Amino acid sequence: GLKVPEPVPVYEITDGAFWGHHFTPPPQP
C-alpha cells in the first residue's frame, strides 16, 4: 500500500478499485 510521509485529511472514496474487489454481502444467520 501507499506510504505517506505526513498525516492527510479525511476524504471520501468515490472509486474503490482499479480492478477486482467484487463485493459479496455478509453471511446471514
All heavy atoms as atom14 arrays in JSON, in Angstrom:
{
  "sequence": "GLKVPEPVPVYEITDGAFWGHHFTPPPQP",
  "atom14_mask": [
    [1, 1, 1, 1, 0, 0, 0, 0, 0, 0, 0, 0, 0, 0],
    [1, 1, 1, 1, 1, 1, 1, 1, 0, 0, 0, 0, 0, 0],
    [1, 1, 1, 1, 1, 1, 1, 1, 1, 0, 0, 0, 0, 0],
    [1, 1, 1, 1, 1, 1, 1, 0, 0, 0, 0, 0, 0, 0],
    [1, 1, 1, 1, 1, 1, 1, 0, 0, 0, 0, 0, 0, 0],
    [1, 1, 1, 1, 1, 1, 1, 1, 1, 0, 0, 0, 0, 0],
    [1, 1, 1, 1, 1, 1, 1, 0, 0, 0, 0, 0, 0, 0],
    [1, 1, 1, 1, 1, 1, 1, 0, 0, 0, 0, 0, 0, 0],
    [1, 1, 1, 1, 1, 1, 1, 0, 0, 0, 0, 0, 0, 0],
    [1, 1, 1, 1, 1, 1, 1, 0, 0, 0, 0, 0, 0, 0],
    [1, 1, 1, 1, 1, 1, 1, 1, 1, 1, 1, 1, 0, 0],
    [1, 1, 1, 1, 1, 1, 1, 1, 1, 0, 0, 0, 0, 0],
    [1, 1, 1, 1, 1, 1, 1, 1, 0, 0, 0, 0, 0, 0],
    [1, 1, 1, 1, 1, 1, 1, 0, 0, 0, 0, 0, 0, 0],
    [1, 1, 1, 1, 1, 1, 1, 1, 0, 0, 0, 0, 0, 0],
    [1, 1, 1, 1, 0, 0, 0, 0, 0, 0, 0, 0, 0, 0],
    [1, 1, 1, 1, 1, 0, 0, 0, 0, 0, 0, 0, 0, 0],
    [1, 1, 1, 1, 1, 1, 1, 1, 1, 1, 1, 0, 0, 0],
    [1, 1, 1, 1, 1, 1, 1, 1, 1, 1, 1, 1, 1, 1],
    [1, 1, 1, 1, 0, 0, 0, 0, 0, 0, 0, 0, 0, 0],
    [1, 1, 1, 1, 1, 1, 1, 1, 1, 1, 0, 0, 0, 0],
    [1, 1, 1, 1, 1, 1, 1, 1, 1, 1, 0, 0, 0, 0],
    [1, 1, 1, 1, 1, 1, 1, 1, 1, 1, 1, 0, 0, 0],
    [1, 1, 1, 1, 1, 1, 1, 0, 0, 0, 0, 0, 0, 0],
    [1, 1, 1, 1, 1, 1, 1, 0, 0, 0, 0, 0, 0, 0],
    [1, 1, 1, 1, 1, 1, 1, 0, 0, 0, 0, 0, 0, 0],
    [1, 1, 1, 1, 1, 1, 1, 0, 0, 0, 0, 0, 0, 0],
    [1, 1, 1, 1, 1, 1, 1, 1, 1, 0, 0, 0, 0, 0],
    [1, 1, 1, 1, 1, 1, 1, 0, 0, 0, 0, 0, 0, 0]
  ],
  "atom14_positions": [
    [[0.81, -1.21, 0.0], [0.0, 0.0, 0.0], [0.85, 1.26, 0.0], [2.03, 1.25, 0.37], [0.0, 0.0, 0.0], [0.0, 0.0, 0.0], [0.0, 0.0, 0.0], [0.0, 0.0, 0.0], [0.0, 0.0, 0.0], [0.0, 0.0, 0.0], [0.0, 0.0, 0.0], [0.0, 0.0, 0.0], [0.0, 0.0, 0.0], [0.0, 0.0, 0.0]],
    [[0.24, 2.32, -0.43], [0.87, 3.63, -0.47], [1.36, 4.04, 0.91], [0.66, 3.84, 1.91], [-0.15, 4.64, -0.99], [0.28, 6.08, -1.15], [1.32, 6.2, -2.26], [-0.94, 6.94, -1.47], [0.0, 0.0, 0.0], [0.0, 0.0, 0.0], [0.0, 0.0, 0.0], [0.0, 0.0, 0.0], [0.0, 0.0, 0.0], [0.0, 0.0, 0.0]],
    [[2.56, 4.6, 0.97], [3.11, 5.15, 2.21], [3.04, 6.67, 2.1], [3.32, 7.24, 1.05], [4.56, 4.72, 2.42], [4.79, 3.21, 2.39], [4.16, 2.51, 3.57], [4.6, 1.08, 3.71], [3.86, 0.1, 2.99], [0.0, 0.0, 0.0], [0.0, 0.0, 0.0], [0.0, 0.0, 0.0], [0.0, 0.0, 0.0], [0.0, 0.0, 0.0]],
    [[2.64, 7.33, 3.17], [2.54, 8.79, 3.17], [3.42, 9.34, 4.29], [3.41, 8.82, 5.4], [1.08, 9.26, 3.33], [0.27, 8.93, 2.1], [0.44, 8.69, 4.55], [0.0, 0.0, 0.0], [0.0, 0.0, 0.0], [0.0, 0.0, 0.0], [0.0, 0.0, 0.0], [0.0, 0.0, 0.0], [0.0, 0.0, 0.0], [0.0, 0.0, 0.0]],
    [[4.2, 10.39, 4.0], [5.12, 10.91, 5.0], [4.45, 11.77, 6.08], [4.98, 11.92, 7.17], [6.09, 11.75, 4.17], [5.31, 12.16, 2.96], [4.34, 11.03, 2.7], [0.0, 0.0, 0.0], [0.0, 0.0, 0.0], [0.0, 0.0, 0.0], [0.0, 0.0, 0.0], [0.0, 0.0, 0.0], [0.0, 0.0, 0.0], [0.0, 0.0, 0.0]],
    [[3.29, 12.32, 5.79], [2.6, 13.23, 6.72], [1.13, 12.8, 6.82], [0.58, 12.23, 5.88], [2.64, 14.65, 6.17], [4.02, 15.18, 5.89], [4.7, 15.72, 7.13], [3.99, 16.18, 8.04], [5.94, 15.66, 7.19], [0.0, 0.0, 0.0], [0.0, 0.0, 0.0], [0.0, 0.0, 0.0], [0.0, 0.0, 0.0], [0.0, 0.0, 0.0]],
    [[0.47, 13.1, 7.95], [-0.98, 12.83, 8.03], [-1.72, 13.59, 6.93], [-1.33, 14.69, 6.55], [-1.37, 13.38, 9.41], [-0.09, 13.42, 10.18], [1.0, 13.67, 9.17], [0.0, 0.0, 0.0], [0.0, 0.0, 0.0], [0.0, 0.0, 0.0], [0.0, 0.0, 0.0], [0.0, 0.0, 0.0], [0.0, 0.0, 0.0], [0.0, 0.0, 0.0]],
    [[-2.76, 12.98, 6.39], [-3.56, 13.61, 5.35], [-4.99, 13.75, 5.85], [-5.44, 12.99, 6.7], [-3.54, 12.82, 4.02], [-2.15, 12.83, 3.42], [-4.0, 11.4, 4.23], [0.0, 0.0, 0.0], [0.0, 0.0, 0.0], [0.0, 0.0, 0.0], [0.0, 0.0, 0.0], [0.0, 0.0, 0.0], [0.0, 0.0, 0.0], [0.0, 0.0, 0.0]],
    [[-5.73, 14.73, 5.33], [-7.12, 14.91, 5.78], [-8.01, 13.73, 5.4], [-7.71, 12.99, 4.47], [-7.58, 16.17, 5.06], [-6.47, 16.6, 4.17], [-5.31, 15.68, 4.34], [0.0, 0.0, 0.0], [0.0, 0.0, 0.0], [0.0, 0.0, 0.0], [0.0, 0.0, 0.0], [0.0, 0.0, 0.0], [0.0, 0.0, 0.0], [0.0, 0.0, 0.0]],
    [[-9.1, 13.59, 6.12], [-10.11, 12.59, 5.81], [-10.74, 12.95, 4.47], [-10.91, 14.1, 4.13], [-11.17, 12.56, 6.93], [-12.3, 11.61, 6.57], [-10.54, 12.18, 8.24], [0.0, 0.0, 0.0], [0.0, 0.0, 0.0], [0.0, 0.0, 0.0], [0.0, 0.0, 0.0], [0.0, 0.0, 0.0], [0.0, 0.0, 0.0], [0.0, 0.0, 0.0]],
    [[-11.09, 11.95, 3.69], [-11.67, 12.18, 2.39], [-12.69, 11.1, 2.09], [-12.75, 10.08, 2.76], [-10.58, 12.2, 1.31], [-9.84, 10.89, 1.25], [-10.26, 9.89, 0.38], [-8.76, 10.64, 2.08], [-9.61, 8.67, 0.35], [-8.11, 9.43, 2.04], [-8.53, 8.45, 1.18], [-7.9, 7.24, 1.15], [0.0, 0.0, 0.0], [0.0, 0.0, 0.0]],
    [[-13.46, 11.31, 1.06], [-14.46, 10.34, 0.63], [-13.92, 9.56, -0.56], [-13.38, 10.15, -1.5], [-15.74, 11.06, 0.24], [-16.85, 10.13, -0.19], [-18.12, 10.87, -0.54], [-18.21, 12.07, -0.25], [-19.01, 10.25, -1.12], [0.0, 0.0, 0.0], [0.0, 0.0, 0.0], [0.0, 0.0, 0.0], [0.0, 0.0, 0.0], [0.0, 0.0, 0.0]],
    [[-14.07, 8.24, -0.52], [-13.65, 7.41, -1.64], [-14.82, 7.32, -2.62], [-15.91, 6.91, -2.26], [-13.26, 6.0, -1.16], [-12.09, 6.08, -0.19], [-12.92, 5.1, -2.35], [-11.78, 4.78, 0.5], [0.0, 0.0, 0.0], [0.0, 0.0, 0.0], [0.0, 0.0, 0.0], [0.0, 0.0, 0.0], [0.0, 0.0, 0.0], [0.0, 0.0, 0.0]],
    [[-14.58, 7.73, -3.86], [-15.66, 7.7, -4.85], [-15.47, 6.6, -5.88], [-16.41, 6.23, -6.57], [-15.76, 9.06, -5.58], [-14.49, 9.36, -6.17], [-16.14, 10.16, -4.6], [0.0, 0.0, 0.0], [0.0, 0.0, 0.0], [0.0, 0.0, 0.0], [0.0, 0.0, 0.0], [0.0, 0.0, 0.0], [0.0, 0.0, 0.0], [0.0, 0.0, 0.0]],
    [[-14.26, 6.07, -6.03], [-13.99, 4.99, -6.97], [-13.07, 4.01, -6.27], [-11.9, 4.29, -6.05], [-13.34, 5.54, -8.24], [-13.3, 4.52, -9.36], [-14.01, 3.5, -9.27], [-12.56, 4.75, -10.33], [0.0, 0.0, 0.0], [0.0, 0.0, 0.0], [0.0, 0.0, 0.0], [0.0, 0.0, 0.0], [0.0, 0.0, 0.0], [0.0, 0.0, 0.0]],
    [[-13.59, 2.84, -5.88], [-12.89, 1.96, -4.97], [-11.75, 1.13, -5.51], [-10.84, 0.81, -4.78], [0.0, 0.0, 0.0], [0.0, 0.0, 0.0], [0.0, 0.0, 0.0], [0.0, 0.0, 0.0], [0.0, 0.0, 0.0], [0.0, 0.0, 0.0], [0.0, 0.0, 0.0], [0.0, 0.0, 0.0], [0.0, 0.0, 0.0], [0.0, 0.0, 0.0]],
    [[-11.76, 0.75, -6.79], [-10.74, -0.19, -7.24], [-10.37, 0.05, -8.7], [-11.22, 0.39, -9.52], [-11.23, -1.62, -7.08], [0.0, 0.0, 0.0], [0.0, 0.0, 0.0], [0.0, 0.0, 0.0], [0.0, 0.0, 0.0], [0.0, 0.0, 0.0], [0.0, 0.0, 0.0], [0.0, 0.0, 0.0], [0.0, 0.0, 0.0], [0.0, 0.0, 0.0]],
    [[-9.08, -0.15, -9.0], [-8.64, -0.19, -10.39], [-9.15, -1.46, -11.04], [-9.5, -1.48, -12.21], [-7.1, -0.19, -10.47], [-6.47, 1.12, -10.12], [-5.69, 1.24, -8.99], [-6.66, 2.24, -10.93], [-5.08, 2.44, -8.68], [-6.06, 3.45, -10.62], [-5.27, 3.55, -9.49], [0.0, 0.0, 0.0], [0.0, 0.0, 0.0], [0.0, 0.0, 0.0]],
    [[-9.14, -2.55, -10.29], [-9.63, -3.85, -10.75], [-9.99, -4.7, -9.54], [-9.53, -4.44, -8.43], [-8.59, -4.56, -11.63], [-7.22, -4.69, -11.02], [-6.18, -3.84, -11.15], [-6.76, -5.75, -10.17], [-5.09, -4.29, -10.44], [-5.42, -5.47, -9.83], [-7.34, -6.91, -9.66], [-4.67, -6.29, -9.01], [-6.57, -7.73, -8.84], [-5.25, -7.43, -8.52]],
    [[-10.83, -5.68, -9.74], [-11.2, -6.61, -8.67], [-12.05, -5.98, -7.58], [-12.8, -5.04, -7.82], [0.0, 0.0, 0.0], [0.0, 0.0, 0.0], [0.0, 0.0, 0.0], [0.0, 0.0, 0.0], [0.0, 0.0, 0.0], [0.0, 0.0, 0.0], [0.0, 0.0, 0.0], [0.0, 0.0, 0.0], [0.0, 0.0, 0.0], [0.0, 0.0, 0.0]],
    [[-11.93, -6.53, -6.37], [-12.71, -6.12, -5.2], [-14.21, -6.23, -5.43], [-14.98, -5.37, -5.04], [-12.34, -4.71, -4.72], [-11.02, -4.63, -4.04], [-10.64, -5.49, -3.04], [-9.98, -3.79, -4.22], [-9.42, -5.18, -2.63], [-8.99, -4.17, -3.34], [0.0, 0.0, 0.0], [0.0, 0.0, 0.0], [0.0, 0.0, 0.0], [0.0, 0.0, 0.0]],
    [[-14.64, -7.31, -6.04], [-16.07, -7.54, -6.24], [-16.69, -7.95, -4.9], [-16.18, -8.81, -4.2], [-16.29, -8.62, -7.31], [-15.67, -8.23, -8.61], [-16.16, -7.22, -9.41], [-14.57, -8.71, -9.24], [-15.38, -7.09, -10.47], [-14.42, -7.98, -10.39], [0.0, 0.0, 0.0], [0.0, 0.0, 0.0], [0.0, 0.0, 0.0], [0.0, 0.0, 0.0]],
    [[-17.79, -7.32, -4.56], [-18.43, -7.43, -3.25], [-19.35, -8.64, -3.13], [-20.08, -8.97, -4.05], [-19.24, -6.16, -2.97], [-19.96, -6.17, -1.67], [-19.29, -5.99, -0.47], [-21.34, -6.37, -1.62], [-19.95, -5.99, 0.73], [-22.01, -6.38, -0.42], [-21.32, -6.19, 0.76], [0.0, 0.0, 0.0], [0.0, 0.0, 0.0], [0.0, 0.0, 0.0]],
    [[-19.32, -9.27, -1.95], [-20.26, -10.32, -1.55], [-20.87, -9.91, -0.22], [-20.11, -9.6, 0.72], [-19.56, -11.67, -1.39], [-18.94, -12.03, -2.62], [-20.53, -12.76, -0.97], [0.0, 0.0, 0.0], [0.0, 0.0, 0.0], [0.0, 0.0, 0.0], [0.0, 0.0, 0.0], [0.0, 0.0, 0.0], [0.0, 0.0, 0.0], [0.0, 0.0, 0.0]],
    [[-22.2, -9.87, -0.08], [-22.83, -9.47, 1.18], [-22.44, -10.42, 2.32], [-22.01, -11.56, 2.08], [-24.33, -9.58, 0.9], [-24.46, -9.62, -0.57], [-23.18, -10.17, -1.11], [0.0, 0.0, 0.0], [0.0, 0.0, 0.0], [0.0, 0.0, 0.0], [0.0, 0.0, 0.0], [0.0, 0.0, 0.0], [0.0, 0.0, 0.0], [0.0, 0.0, 0.0]],
    [[-22.59, -9.95, 3.57], [-22.23, -10.8, 4.71], [-23.13, -12.03, 4.8], [-24.26, -12.02, 4.34], [-22.42, -9.91, 5.93], [-23.36, -8.85, 5.49], [-23.14, -8.68, 4.0], [0.0, 0.0, 0.0], [0.0, 0.0, 0.0], [0.0, 0.0, 0.0], [0.0, 0.0, 0.0], [0.0, 0.0, 0.0], [0.0, 0.0, 0.0], [0.0, 0.0, 0.0]],
    [[-22.59, -13.09, 5.41], [-23.41, -14.29, 5.62], [-24.61, -13.96, 6.51], [-24.51, -13.13, 7.42], [-22.48, -15.26, 6.33], [-21.11, -14.69, 6.22], [-21.25, -13.24, 5.94], [0.0, 0.0, 0.0], [0.0, 0.0, 0.0], [0.0, 0.0, 0.0], [0.0, 0.0, 0.0], [0.0, 0.0, 0.0], [0.0, 0.0, 0.0], [0.0, 0.0, 0.0]],
    [[-25.72, -14.59, 6.23], [-26.92, -14.4, 7.04], [-27.03, -15.5, 8.09], [-26.68, -16.66, 7.81], [-28.18, -14.39, 6.15], [-28.18, -13.26, 5.14], [-28.12, -11.91, 5.79], [-28.86, -11.59, 6.7], [-27.18, -11.08, 5.33], [0.0, 0.0, 0.0], [0.0, 0.0, 0.0], [0.0, 0.0, 0.0], [0.0, 0.0, 0.0], [0.0, 0.0, 0.0]],
    [[-27.5, -15.15, 9.28], [-27.65, -16.19, 10.31], [-28.62, -17.27, 9.88], [-29.59, -17.0, 9.15], [-28.17, -15.43, 11.53], [-28.42, -14.05, 11.12], [-27.94, -13.85, 9.71], [0.0, 0.0, 0.0], [0.0, 0.0, 0.0], [0.0, 0.0, 0.0], [0.0, 0.0, 0.0], [0.0, 0.0, 0.0], [0.0, 0.0, 0.0], [0.0, 0.0, 0.0]]
  ]
}
